[in-house]
Amino acid sequence: MKTIILEKIKSTEKIVKQIEVDNSLVFVVDRAISKPEIKAEVESLFDVKVEKVRTHTMKNKKLAYVKLKSEYPAVDLATKLGMM
């Protein structure tokens, strides 16, 4: 049985700007998950290629900043997910 790593997608004004400028999305993930696992999960769920994953841990939550490769616009994915 495969577990889903991504808990939810974040959407704030700053993150929407980051989607447009940096071609990246922000997810809330479990603290025990590694960057390669996040990358594999995003690529398999959304059928995109990930360029880079950065993480930030604060207050018992871990945020994953997932930068997509340039041929996969984050705006399109955000639109599909209902963020924009």
Protein backbone atom coordinates (compact mmCIF):
# COMPACT_ATOMS: atom_id res chain seq x y z
CA MET A 1 0.00 0.00 0.00
CA LYS A 2 1.43 3.36 -1.03
CA THR A 3 1.20 6.21 1.44
CA ILE A 4 0.53 9.75 0.33
CA ILE A 5 3.27 12.07 1.49
CA LEU A 6 1.71 15.41 0.56
CA GLU A 7 -0.73 16.55 3.22
CA LYS A 8 -2.03 19.71 1.56
CA ILE A 9 -1.04 22.49 -0.81
CA LYS A 10 -0.47 25.98 0.58
CA SER A 11 -2.00 29.04 -1.05
CA THR A 12 -1.21 32.58 0.08
CA GLU A 13 -0.48 35.79 -1.81
CA LYS A 14 3.23 35.23 -1.46
CA ILE A 15 2.97 31.64 -2.68
CA VAL A 16 0.83 32.64 -5.68
CA LYS A 17 3.52 35.15 -6.65
CA GLN A 18 6.13 32.41 -6.23
CA ILE A 19 4.12 30.17 -8.57
CA GLU A 20 4.22 32.84 -11.26
CA VAL A 21 7.82 34.00 -10.78
CA ASP A 22 9.74 30.90 -9.65
CA ASN A 23 7.59 28.14 -11.24
CA SER A 24 7.27 26.42 -7.85
CA LEU A 25 4.52 25.08 -5.58
CA VAL A 26 4.44 24.76 -1.79
CA PHE A 27 3.15 21.66 0.00
CA VAL A 28 2.76 20.77 3.67
CA VAL A 29 4.41 17.38 4.24
CA ASP A 30 5.18 15.03 7.10
CA ARG A 31 8.37 15.94 8.98
CA ALA A 32 9.91 12.49 8.49
CA ILE A 33 9.79 12.64 4.68
CA SER A 34 12.97 13.25 2.68
CA LYS A 35 13.46 15.44 -0.38
CA PRO A 36 13.81 12.50 -2.84
CA GLU A 37 10.53 11.05 -1.56
CA ILE A 38 8.76 14.40 -2.03
CA LYS A 39 10.18 14.69 -5.55
CA ALA A 40 9.02 11.18 -6.49
CA GLU A 41 5.55 11.77 -5.04
CA VAL A 42 4.99 15.06 -6.90
CA GLU A 43 6.26 13.60 -10.19
CA SER A 44 4.02 10.54 -9.94
CA LEU A 45 0.86 12.35 -8.73
CA PHE A 46 0.89 15.29 -11.12
CA ASP A 47 2.85 13.85 -14.11
CA VAL A 48 5.47 16.63 -14.07
CA LYS A 49 9.26 16.79 -13.70
CA VAL A 50 10.75 18.41 -10.59
CA GLU A 51 13.91 20.47 -10.85
CA LYS A 52 14.56 21.06 -7.16
CA VAL A 53 13.00 20.53 -3.72
CA ARG A 54 13.70 22.81 -0.76
CA THR A 55 12.25 22.23 2.69
CA HIS A 56 11.57 24.43 5.67
CA THR A 57 10.56 23.13 9.11
CA MET A 58 8.74 25.29 11.62
CA LYS A 59 6.30 24.70 14.46
CA ASN A 60 6.00 20.95 13.94
CA LYS A 61 5.24 21.36 10.22
CA LYS A 62 7.44 20.90 7.20
CA LEU A 63 6.93 22.95 4.06
CA ALA A 64 8.25 21.63 0.76
CA TYR A 65 9.03 24.19 -1.95
CA VAL A 66 8.91 22.20 -5.19
CA LYS A 67 10.38 23.90 -8.26
CA LEU A 68 9.15 22.42 -11.52
CA LYS A 69 11.21 22.19 -14.70
CA SER A 70 10.57 25.02 -17.15
CA GLU A 71 8.60 22.87 -19.61
CA TYR A 72 5.98 22.23 -16.89
CA PRO A 73 4.35 25.55 -15.87
CA ALA A 74 3.35 25.65 -12.21
CA VAL A 75 0.51 28.02 -13.12
CA ASP A 76 -1.17 25.25 -15.14
CA LEU A 77 -0.88 22.78 -12.28
CA ALA A 78 -2.12 25.35 -9.76
CA THR A 79 -5.12 26.03 -12.00
CA LYS A 80 -5.92 22.30 -12.17
CA LEU A 81 -5.73 22.09 -8.38
CA GLY A 82 -8.07 25.08 -8.00
CA MET A 83 -5.58 27.49 -6.46
CA MET A 84 -5.88 30.16 -9.13
